[in-house]
Amino acid sequence: MDYYADLGIAAGAVGLAVTGIVLDNSVDGWDGKETFDGDDINAFDRSWYNGYRPAVDDLGTAAVIVNVLALPIGIYATEAILQNMPSMELLTVGAMLGESYLFGYGIRNIIKTSVRRTRPYMFTDKWDWKSVDDGDYTLSFPSGHTTDSFMGATFLSYTFWKYYPESRYRIPVIVTSYAIAATTGFLRVASGNHFMSDVLAGAALGSAVGFLVPFVHEKIAAVKFRGQNVLSFDGQSLTATFRF
């Protein structure tokens, strides 16, 4: 972890997130005049869309919390408790996870407010009236929940593989996190909040952010410690390398 580099990365992430918040709050609610015709939906998305289902909506939110918070924090905290990871390394993991989330949040909100795609439940007789009133009904593309969940899955999969390249838990961690991410996407369509194309776009965006943030940190660390004495951790042991 390089504090100067991380300060710049974090500043960029916060800047994007704040921009996303401002743009999100600038969206107006339904004016009561706009009409919604299912024939206007593209052929790909027209085959499957639903009215609003609040219980399914809540399940999707729960899946995101698991992938973004519960799973990565639980796994790395457990590894630290078991002394399989230096406790200070949790700060690095936490910083990268926070930056990944903020980048994803900012980028997808900027896209949402630029595209202004109507959510699928508006083409049915089951609306989410809260979203209709605050304008969120126009922010369908891309799926924010899916972006977050795939960000968490990709982040955890990539970092766990790097920290523990020989661990027998690598494949179970990857499969579990991506299964939850895929479930999130399914629930977002089933709840009536998104079309399938929204979910696919969110999955691509979240995966890109979840990979790029730790990847950039890895490259920065490689440059920073080139030619220096390095104390490294491979998931099983600490190794000291001295260069003269």
C-alpha atoms as a PDB file:
ATOM      1  CA  MET A   1       0.000   0.000   0.000  1.00  0.00           C
ATOM      2  CA  ASP A   2       1.453   3.328  -1.076  1.00  0.00           C
ATOM      3  CA  TYR A   3      -0.150   6.167   0.866  1.00  0.00           C
ATOM      4  CA  TYR A   4       0.479   8.844  -1.773  1.00  0.00           C
ATOM      5  CA  ALA A   5      -0.842   6.668  -4.589  1.00  0.00           C
ATOM      6  CA  ASP A   6      -3.783   5.580  -2.486  1.00  0.00           C
ATOM      7  CA  LEU A   7      -4.599   9.167  -1.642  1.00  0.00           C
ATOM      8  CA  GLY A   8      -4.847   9.939  -5.352  1.00  0.00           C
ATOM      9  CA  ILE A   9      -6.875   6.807  -6.102  1.00  0.00           C
ATOM     10  CA  ALA A  10      -9.194   7.446  -3.168  1.00  0.00           C
ATOM     11  CA  ALA A  11      -9.651  11.091  -4.186  1.00  0.00           C
ATOM     12  CA  GLY A  12     -10.655  10.009  -7.681  1.00  0.00           C
ATOM     13  CA  ALA A  13     -13.062   7.420  -6.283  1.00  0.00           C
ATOM     14  CA  VAL A  14     -14.671   9.893  -3.891  1.00  0.00           C
ATOM     15  CA  GLY A  15     -14.920  12.506  -6.644  1.00  0.00           C
ATOM     16  CA  LEU A  16     -16.753  10.088  -8.929  1.00  0.00           C
ATOM     17  CA  ALA A  17     -19.044   8.957  -6.102  1.00  0.00           C
ATOM     18  CA  VAL A  18     -19.948  12.531  -5.151  1.00  0.00           C
ATOM     19  CA  THR A  19     -20.633  13.354  -8.793  1.00  0.00           C
ATOM     20  CA  GLY A  20     -22.888  10.315  -8.969  1.00  0.00           C
ATOM     21  CA  ILE A  21     -24.776  11.385  -5.855  1.00  0.00           C
ATOM     22  CA  VAL A  22     -25.310  14.921  -7.165  1.00  0.00           C
ATOM     23  CA  LEU A  23     -26.568  13.658 -10.519  1.00  0.00           C
ATOM     24  CA  ASP A  24     -28.823  11.087  -8.840  1.00  0.00           C
ATOM     25  CA  ASN A  25     -30.410  13.788  -6.669  1.00  0.00           C
ATOM     26  CA  SER A  26     -31.048  15.951  -9.729  1.00  0.00           C
ATOM     27  CA  VAL A  27     -33.509  13.438 -11.216  1.00  0.00           C
ATOM     28  CA  ASP A  28     -37.168  14.492 -11.126  1.00  0.00           C
ATOM     29  CA  GLY A  29     -40.157  12.286 -10.375  1.00  0.00           C
ATOM     30  CA  TRP A  30     -42.842  11.230 -12.840  1.00  0.00           C
ATOM     31  CA  ASP A  31     -44.870  14.147 -14.164  1.00  0.00           C
ATOM     32  CA  GLY A  32     -47.990  12.038 -14.697  1.00  0.00           C
ATOM     33  CA  LYS A  33     -47.978  12.697 -18.440  1.00  0.00           C
ATOM     34  CA  GLU A  34     -45.436  10.215 -19.770  1.00  0.00           C
ATOM     35  CA  THR A  35     -46.906   6.924 -21.001  1.00  0.00           C
ATOM     36  CA  PHE A  36     -45.227   3.525 -21.172  1.00  0.00           C
ATOM     37  CA  ASP A  37     -45.774   1.033 -23.985  1.00  0.00           C
ATOM     38  CA  GLY A  38     -44.253  -2.452 -23.885  1.00  0.00           C
ATOM     39  CA  ASP A  39     -43.811  -2.338 -27.648  1.00  0.00           C
ATOM     40  CA  ASP A  40     -41.082   0.253 -27.105  1.00  0.00           C
ATOM     41  CA  ILE A  41     -38.888  -2.328 -25.330  1.00  0.00           C
ATOM     42  CA  ASN A  42     -36.168  -3.828 -27.515  1.00  0.00           C
ATOM     43  CA  ALA A  43     -36.591  -7.415 -28.723  1.00  0.00           C
ATOM     44  CA  PHE A  44     -33.872  -8.798 -26.431  1.00  0.00           C
ATOM     45  CA  ASP A  45     -35.421  -7.451 -23.221  1.00  0.00           C
ATOM     46  CA  ARG A  46     -39.057  -7.787 -24.213  1.00  0.00           C
ATOM     47  CA  SER A  47     -39.082 -11.555 -23.610  1.00  0.00           C
ATOM     48  CA  TRP A  48     -38.643 -11.233 -19.843  1.00  0.00           C
ATOM     49  CA  TYR A  49     -39.584  -8.358 -17.591  1.00  0.00           C
ATOM     50  CA  ASN A  50     -41.753  -8.144 -14.500  1.00  0.00           C
ATOM     51  CA  GLY A  51     -43.894  -5.920 -12.349  1.00  0.00           C
ATOM     52  CA  TYR A  52     -42.416  -4.654  -9.107  1.00  0.00           C
ATOM     53  CA  ARG A  53     -41.943  -7.278  -6.375  1.00  0.00           C
ATOM     54  CA  PRO A  54     -40.751  -5.700  -3.111  1.00  0.00           C
ATOM     55  CA  ALA A  55     -39.859  -8.996  -1.372  1.00  0.00           C
ATOM     56  CA  VAL A  56     -37.649 -10.046  -4.278  1.00  0.00           C
ATOM     57  CA  ASP A  57     -36.156  -6.535  -4.320  1.00  0.00           C
ATOM     58  CA  ASP A  58     -35.132  -6.976  -0.672  1.00  0.00           C
ATOM     59  CA  LEU A  59     -33.552 -10.353  -1.417  1.00  0.00           C
ATOM     60  CA  GLY A  60     -31.436  -8.746  -4.118  1.00  0.00           C
ATOM     61  CA  THR A  61     -30.249  -6.095  -1.684  1.00  0.00           C
ATOM     62  CA  ALA A  62     -29.337  -8.784   0.855  1.00  0.00           C
ATOM     63  CA  ALA A  63     -27.279 -10.621  -1.782  1.00  0.00           C
ATOM     64  CA  VAL A  64     -25.330  -7.432  -2.512  1.00  0.00           C
ATOM     65  CA  ILE A  65     -24.539  -6.925   1.183  1.00  0.00           C
ATOM     66  CA  VAL A  66     -23.200 -10.469   1.383  1.00  0.00           C
ATOM     67  CA  ASN A  67     -20.893 -10.060  -1.621  1.00  0.00           C
ATOM     68  CA  VAL A  68     -19.688  -6.524  -0.922  1.00  0.00           C
ATOM     69  CA  LEU A  69     -19.319  -6.702   2.862  1.00  0.00           C
ATOM     70  CA  ALA A  70     -20.058  -9.959   4.656  1.00  0.00           C
ATOM     71  CA  LEU A  71     -18.054 -12.343   2.474  1.00  0.00           C
ATOM     72  CA  PRO A  72     -14.795 -10.382   1.938  1.00  0.00           C
ATOM     73  CA  ILE A  73     -14.708  -8.948   5.450  1.00  0.00           C
ATOM     74  CA  GLY A  74     -15.593 -12.295   7.000  1.00  0.00           C
ATOM     75  CA  ILE A  75     -12.956 -14.200   5.038  1.00  0.00           C
ATOM     76  CA  TYR A  76     -10.080 -11.765   5.546  1.00  0.00           C
ATOM     77  CA  ALA A  77     -10.931 -11.091   9.200  1.00  0.00           C
ATOM     78  CA  THR A  78     -10.937 -14.838   9.802  1.00  0.00           C
ATOM     79  CA  GLU A  79      -7.566 -15.199   8.076  1.00  0.00           C
ATOM     80  CA  ALA A  80      -6.157 -12.436  10.291  1.00  0.00           C
ATOM     81  CA  ILE A  81      -7.540 -14.066  13.433  1.00  0.00           C
ATOM     82  CA  LEU A  82      -5.993 -17.375  12.385  1.00  0.00           C
ATOM     83  CA  GLN A  83      -2.732 -15.482  11.779  1.00  0.00           C
ATOM     84  CA  ASN A  84      -2.744 -16.382   8.103  1.00  0.00           C
ATOM     85  CA  MET A  85      -2.635 -12.690   7.231  1.00  0.00           C
ATOM     86  CA  PRO A  86      -0.822  -9.800   8.968  1.00  0.00           C
ATOM     87  CA  SER A  87      -3.452  -7.678  10.707  1.00  0.00           C
ATOM     88  CA  MET A  88      -2.112  -4.504   9.071  1.00  0.00           C
ATOM     89  CA  GLU A  89      -2.814  -6.039   5.667  1.00  0.00           C
ATOM     90  CA  LEU A  90      -6.518  -5.753   6.485  1.00  0.00           C
ATOM     91  CA  LEU A  91      -6.129  -1.989   6.072  1.00  0.00           C
ATOM     92  CA  THR A  92      -4.882  -2.502   2.522  1.00  0.00           C
ATOM     93  CA  VAL A  93      -7.732  -4.873   1.677  1.00  0.00           C
ATOM     94  CA  GLY A  94     -10.290  -2.528   3.228  1.00  0.00           C
ATOM     95  CA  ALA A  95      -8.931   0.494   1.358  1.00  0.00           C
ATOM     96  CA  MET A  96      -8.985  -1.317  -1.982  1.00  0.00           C
ATOM     97  CA  LEU A  97     -12.499  -2.637  -1.374  1.00  0.00           C
ATOM     98  CA  GLY A  98     -13.750   0.832  -0.443  1.00  0.00           C
ATOM     99  CA  GLU A  99     -12.132   2.391  -3.509  1.00  0.00           C
ATOM    100  CA  SER A 100     -13.625  -0.304  -5.749  1.00  0.00           C
ATOM    101  CA  TYR A 101     -17.105   0.322  -4.395  1.00  0.00           C
ATOM    102  CA  LEU A 102     -16.840   4.112  -4.785  1.00  0.00           C
ATOM    103  CA  PHE A 103     -15.559   3.850  -8.357  1.00  0.00           C
ATOM    104  CA  GLY A 104     -18.361   1.468  -9.270  1.00  0.00           C
ATOM    105  CA  TYR A 105     -20.968   3.611  -7.535  1.00  0.00           C
ATOM    106  CA  GLY A 106     -19.856   6.805  -9.234  1.00  0.00           C
ATOM    107  CA  ILE A 107     -19.474   5.372 -12.728  1.00  0.00           C
ATOM    108  CA  ARG A 108     -22.801   3.555 -12.774  1.00  0.00           C
ATOM    109  CA  ASN A 109     -24.697   6.556 -11.405  1.00  0.00           C
ATOM    110  CA  ILE A 110     -23.159   8.797 -14.043  1.00  0.00           C
ATOM    111  CA  ILE A 111     -24.233   6.310 -16.720  1.00  0.00           C
ATOM    112  CA  LYS A 112     -27.708   5.911 -15.198  1.00  0.00           C
ATOM    113  CA  THR A 113     -28.416   9.617 -15.157  1.00  0.00           C
ATOM    114  CA  SER A 114     -27.045  10.035 -18.686  1.00  0.00           C
ATOM    115  CA  VAL A 115     -28.986   7.161 -20.258  1.00  0.00           C
ATOM    116  CA  ARG A 116     -32.245   7.635 -18.286  1.00  0.00           C
ATOM    117  CA  ARG A 117     -33.728   4.256 -19.152  1.00  0.00           C
ATOM    118  CA  THR A 118     -37.190   3.490 -17.761  1.00  0.00           C
ATOM    119  CA  ARG A 119     -37.379   0.540 -15.386  1.00  0.00           C
ATOM    120  CA  PRO A 120     -39.344  -2.504 -16.588  1.00  0.00           C
ATOM    121  CA  TYR A 121     -42.042  -2.347 -13.893  1.00  0.00           C
ATOM    122  CA  MET A 122     -43.269   0.878 -15.470  1.00  0.00           C
ATOM    123  CA  PHE A 123     -44.482  -1.194 -18.422  1.00  0.00           C
ATOM    124  CA  THR A 124     -46.733  -3.237 -16.109  1.00  0.00           C
ATOM    125  CA  ASP A 125     -49.483  -2.438 -13.617  1.00  0.00           C
ATOM    126  CA  LYS A 126     -47.225  -3.028 -10.575  1.00  0.00           C
ATOM    127  CA  TRP A 127     -45.106   0.071  -9.947  1.00  0.00           C
ATOM    128  CA  ASP A 128     -42.673   0.971  -7.208  1.00  0.00           C
ATOM    129  CA  TRP A 129     -44.359   4.233  -6.274  1.00  0.00           C
ATOM    130  CA  LYS A 130     -41.492   5.493  -4.136  1.00  0.00           C
ATOM    131  CA  SER A 131     -39.169   5.283  -7.136  1.00  0.00           C
ATOM    132  CA  VAL A 132     -41.814   6.851  -9.335  1.00  0.00           C
ATOM    133  CA  ASP A 133     -42.052   9.832  -6.997  1.00  0.00           C
ATOM    134  CA  ASP A 134     -38.307  10.430  -6.647  1.00  0.00           C
ATOM    135  CA  GLY A 135     -37.399   9.768 -10.283  1.00  0.00           C
ATOM    136  CA  ASP A 136     -35.483   6.552  -9.707  1.00  0.00           C
ATOM    137  CA  TYR A 137     -37.823   4.822 -12.144  1.00  0.00           C
ATOM    138  CA  THR A 138     -35.719   6.326 -14.974  1.00  0.00           C
ATOM    139  CA  LEU A 139     -32.425   4.884 -13.724  1.00  0.00           C
ATOM    140  CA  SER A 140     -32.578   1.314 -14.983  1.00  0.00           C
ATOM    141  CA  PHE A 141     -29.317   1.098 -16.959  1.00  0.00           C
ATOM    142  CA  PRO A 142     -27.016  -0.322 -15.726  1.00  0.00           C
ATOM    143  CA  SER A 143     -28.099  -2.348 -12.694  1.00  0.00           C
ATOM    144  CA  GLY A 144     -26.430  -0.845  -9.623  1.00  0.00           C
ATOM    145  CA  HIS A 145     -27.016  -3.897  -7.427  1.00  0.00           C
ATOM    146  CA  THR A 146     -25.465  -6.157 -10.056  1.00  0.00           C
ATOM    147  CA  THR A 147     -22.531  -3.772 -10.482  1.00  0.00           C
ATOM    148  CA  ASP A 148     -21.838  -3.877  -6.749  1.00  0.00           C
ATOM    149  CA  SER A 149     -22.254  -7.640  -6.426  1.00  0.00           C
ATOM    150  CA  PHE A 150     -19.963  -8.481  -9.358  1.00  0.00           C
ATOM    151  CA  MET A 151     -17.465  -5.921  -8.095  1.00  0.00           C
ATOM    152  CA  GLY A 152     -17.406  -7.756  -4.754  1.00  0.00           C
ATOM    153  CA  ALA A 153     -17.121 -11.171  -6.426  1.00  0.00           C
ATOM    154  CA  THR A 154     -14.285 -10.138  -8.737  1.00  0.00           C
ATOM    155  CA  PHE A 155     -12.444  -8.217  -6.025  1.00  0.00           C
ATOM    156  CA  LEU A 156     -12.590 -11.139  -3.583  1.00  0.00           C
ATOM    157  CA  SER A 157     -11.687 -13.719  -6.229  1.00  0.00           C
ATOM    158  CA  TYR A 158      -8.705 -11.743  -7.503  1.00  0.00           C
ATOM    159  CA  THR A 159      -7.272 -10.739  -4.140  1.00  0.00           C
ATOM    160  CA  PHE A 160      -7.834 -14.139  -2.511  1.00  0.00           C
ATOM    161  CA  TRP A 161      -6.039 -15.809  -5.412  1.00  0.00           C
ATOM    162  CA  LYS A 162      -3.114 -13.399  -5.025  1.00  0.00           C
ATOM    163  CA  TYR A 163      -2.874 -13.693  -1.236  1.00  0.00           C
ATOM    164  CA  TYR A 164      -3.373 -17.450  -1.124  1.00  0.00           C
ATOM    165  CA  PRO A 165      -2.205 -18.958  -4.445  1.00  0.00           C
ATOM    166  CA  GLU A 166      -1.893 -22.451  -2.962  1.00  0.00           C
ATOM    167  CA  SER A 167      -5.050 -22.436  -0.848  1.00  0.00           C
ATOM    168  CA  ARG A 168      -7.523 -25.272  -1.397  1.00  0.00           C
ATOM    169  CA  TYR A 169     -10.285 -22.733  -0.783  1.00  0.00           C
ATOM    170  CA  ARG A 170      -9.542 -20.662  -3.901  1.00  0.00           C
ATOM    171  CA  ILE A 171     -12.091 -22.355  -6.138  1.00  0.00           C
ATOM    172  CA  PRO A 172     -14.862 -22.496  -3.476  1.00  0.00           C
ATOM    173  CA  VAL A 173     -14.387 -18.774  -2.770  1.00  0.00           C
ATOM    174  CA  ILE A 174     -14.565 -17.877  -6.461  1.00  0.00           C
ATOM    175  CA  VAL A 175     -17.549 -20.117  -7.192  1.00  0.00           C
ATOM    176  CA  THR A 176     -19.477 -18.927  -4.136  1.00  0.00           C
ATOM    177  CA  SER A 177     -18.919 -15.215  -4.744  1.00  0.00           C
ATOM    178  CA  TYR A 178     -19.838 -15.405  -8.428  1.00  0.00           C
ATOM    179  CA  ALA A 179     -22.868 -17.587  -7.683  1.00  0.00           C
ATOM    180  CA  ILE A 180     -24.122 -14.870  -5.327  1.00  0.00           C
ATOM    181  CA  ALA A 181     -23.401 -12.219  -7.965  1.00  0.00           C
ATOM    182  CA  ALA A 182     -25.329 -14.155 -10.617  1.00  0.00           C
ATOM    183  CA  THR A 183     -28.187 -14.630  -8.158  1.00  0.00           C
ATOM    184  CA  THR A 184     -28.213 -10.883  -7.566  1.00  0.00           C
ATOM    185  CA  GLY A 185     -28.633 -10.251 -11.271  1.00  0.00           C
ATOM    186  CA  PHE A 186     -31.443 -12.790 -11.519  1.00  0.00           C
ATOM    187  CA  LEU A 187     -33.252 -11.226  -8.559  1.00  0.00           C
ATOM    188  CA  ARG A 188     -32.977  -7.738 -10.073  1.00  0.00           C
ATOM    189  CA  VAL A 189     -34.790  -8.945 -13.185  1.00  0.00           C
ATOM    190  CA  ALA A 190     -37.294 -11.004 -11.196  1.00  0.00           C
ATOM    191  CA  SER A 191     -38.078  -8.015  -8.940  1.00  0.00           C
ATOM    192  CA  GLY A 192     -39.045  -5.893 -11.946  1.00  0.00           C
ATOM    193  CA  ASN A 193     -36.252  -3.384 -11.367  1.00  0.00           C
ATOM    194  CA  HIS A 194     -34.139  -4.243 -14.399  1.00  0.00           C
ATOM    195  CA  PHE A 195     -34.023  -5.692 -17.865  1.00  0.00           C
ATOM    196  CA  MET A 196     -31.514  -8.419 -18.668  1.00  0.00           C
ATOM    197  CA  SER A 197     -29.331  -5.978 -20.609  1.00  0.00           C
ATOM    198  CA  ASP A 198     -29.148  -3.759 -17.492  1.00  0.00           C
ATOM    199  CA  VAL A 199     -27.878  -6.726 -15.517  1.00  0.00           C
ATOM    200  CA  LEU A 200     -25.307  -7.743 -18.132  1.00  0.00           C
ATOM    201  CA  ALA A 201     -23.954  -4.204 -18.297  1.00  0.00           C
ATOM    202  CA  GLY A 202     -23.771  -4.030 -14.505  1.00  0.00           C
ATOM    203  CA  ALA A 203     -21.927  -7.355 -14.370  1.00  0.00           C
ATOM    204  CA  ALA A 204     -19.351  -6.126 -16.885  1.00  0.00           C
ATOM    205  CA  LEU A 205     -18.839  -2.795 -15.107  1.00  0.00           C
ATOM    206  CA  GLY A 206     -18.599  -4.340 -11.650  1.00  0.00           C
ATOM    207  CA  SER A 207     -16.169  -7.025 -12.807  1.00  0.00           C
ATOM    208  CA  ALA A 208     -13.937  -4.419 -14.459  1.00  0.00           C
ATOM    209  CA  VAL A 209     -13.774  -2.224 -11.358  1.00  0.00           C
ATOM    210  CA  GLY A 210     -13.325  -5.181  -8.989  1.00  0.00           C
ATOM    211  CA  PHE A 211     -10.328  -6.325 -11.019  1.00  0.00           C
ATOM    212  CA  LEU A 212      -8.700  -3.023 -11.945  1.00  0.00           C
ATOM    213  CA  VAL A 213      -8.437  -1.452  -8.484  1.00  0.00           C
ATOM    214  CA  PRO A 214      -6.419  -4.271  -6.841  1.00  0.00           C
ATOM    215  CA  PHE A 215      -4.521  -4.827 -10.112  1.00  0.00           C
ATOM    216  CA  VAL A 216      -3.384  -1.191 -10.155  1.00  0.00           C
ATOM    217  CA  HIS A 217      -2.357  -1.445  -6.500  1.00  0.00           C
ATOM    218  CA  GLU A 218      -0.330  -4.538  -7.329  1.00  0.00           C
ATOM    219  CA  LYS A 219       1.503  -2.759 -10.141  1.00  0.00           C
ATOM    220  CA  ILE A 220       2.162   0.304  -7.993  1.00  0.00           C
ATOM    221  CA  ALA A 221       3.605  -1.914  -5.270  1.00  0.00           C
ATOM    222  CA  ALA A 222       5.832  -3.683  -7.812  1.00  0.00           C
ATOM    223  CA  VAL A 223       7.295  -0.347  -8.934  1.00  0.00           C
ATOM    224  CA  LYS A 224       7.595   1.009  -5.390  1.00  0.00           C
ATOM    225  CA  PHE A 225       9.529  -1.959  -4.028  1.00  0.00           C
ATOM    226  CA  ARG A 226      11.711  -2.617  -7.063  1.00  0.00           C
ATOM    227  CA  GLY A 227      15.305  -2.659  -5.928  1.00  0.00           C
ATOM    228  CA  GLN A 228      14.365  -2.341  -2.259  1.00  0.00           C
ATOM    229  CA  ASN A 229      14.295  -4.705   0.660  1.00  0.00           C
ATOM    230  CA  VAL A 230      10.887  -6.340   0.679  1.00  0.00           C
ATOM    231  CA  LEU A 231       8.882  -8.169   3.312  1.00  0.00           C
ATOM    232  CA  SER A 232       6.263 -10.225   1.441  1.00  0.00           C
ATOM    233  CA  PHE A 233       3.425 -12.511   2.458  1.00  0.00           C
ATOM    234  CA  ASP A 234       2.197 -15.356   0.224  1.00  0.00           C
ATOM    235  CA  GLY A 235      -0.683 -16.573   2.388  1.00  0.00           C
ATOM    236  CA  GLN A 236       1.409 -19.115   4.261  1.00  0.00           C
ATOM    237  CA  SER A 237       4.680 -17.509   5.250  1.00  0.00           C
ATOM    238  CA  LEU A 238       6.523 -14.209   5.454  1.00  0.00           C
ATOM    239  CA  THR A 239       9.552 -13.838   3.201  1.00  0.00           C
ATOM    240  CA  ALA A 240      12.270 -11.206   3.542  1.00  0.00           C
ATOM    241  CA  THR A 241      14.185 -10.264   0.383  1.00  0.00           C
ATOM    242  CA  PHE A 242      17.288  -8.083   0.602  1.00  0.00           C
ATOM    243  CA  ARG A 243      18.725  -6.439  -2.510  1.00  0.00           C
ATOM    244  CA  PHE A 244      22.152  -4.869  -2.592  1.00  0.00           C
END
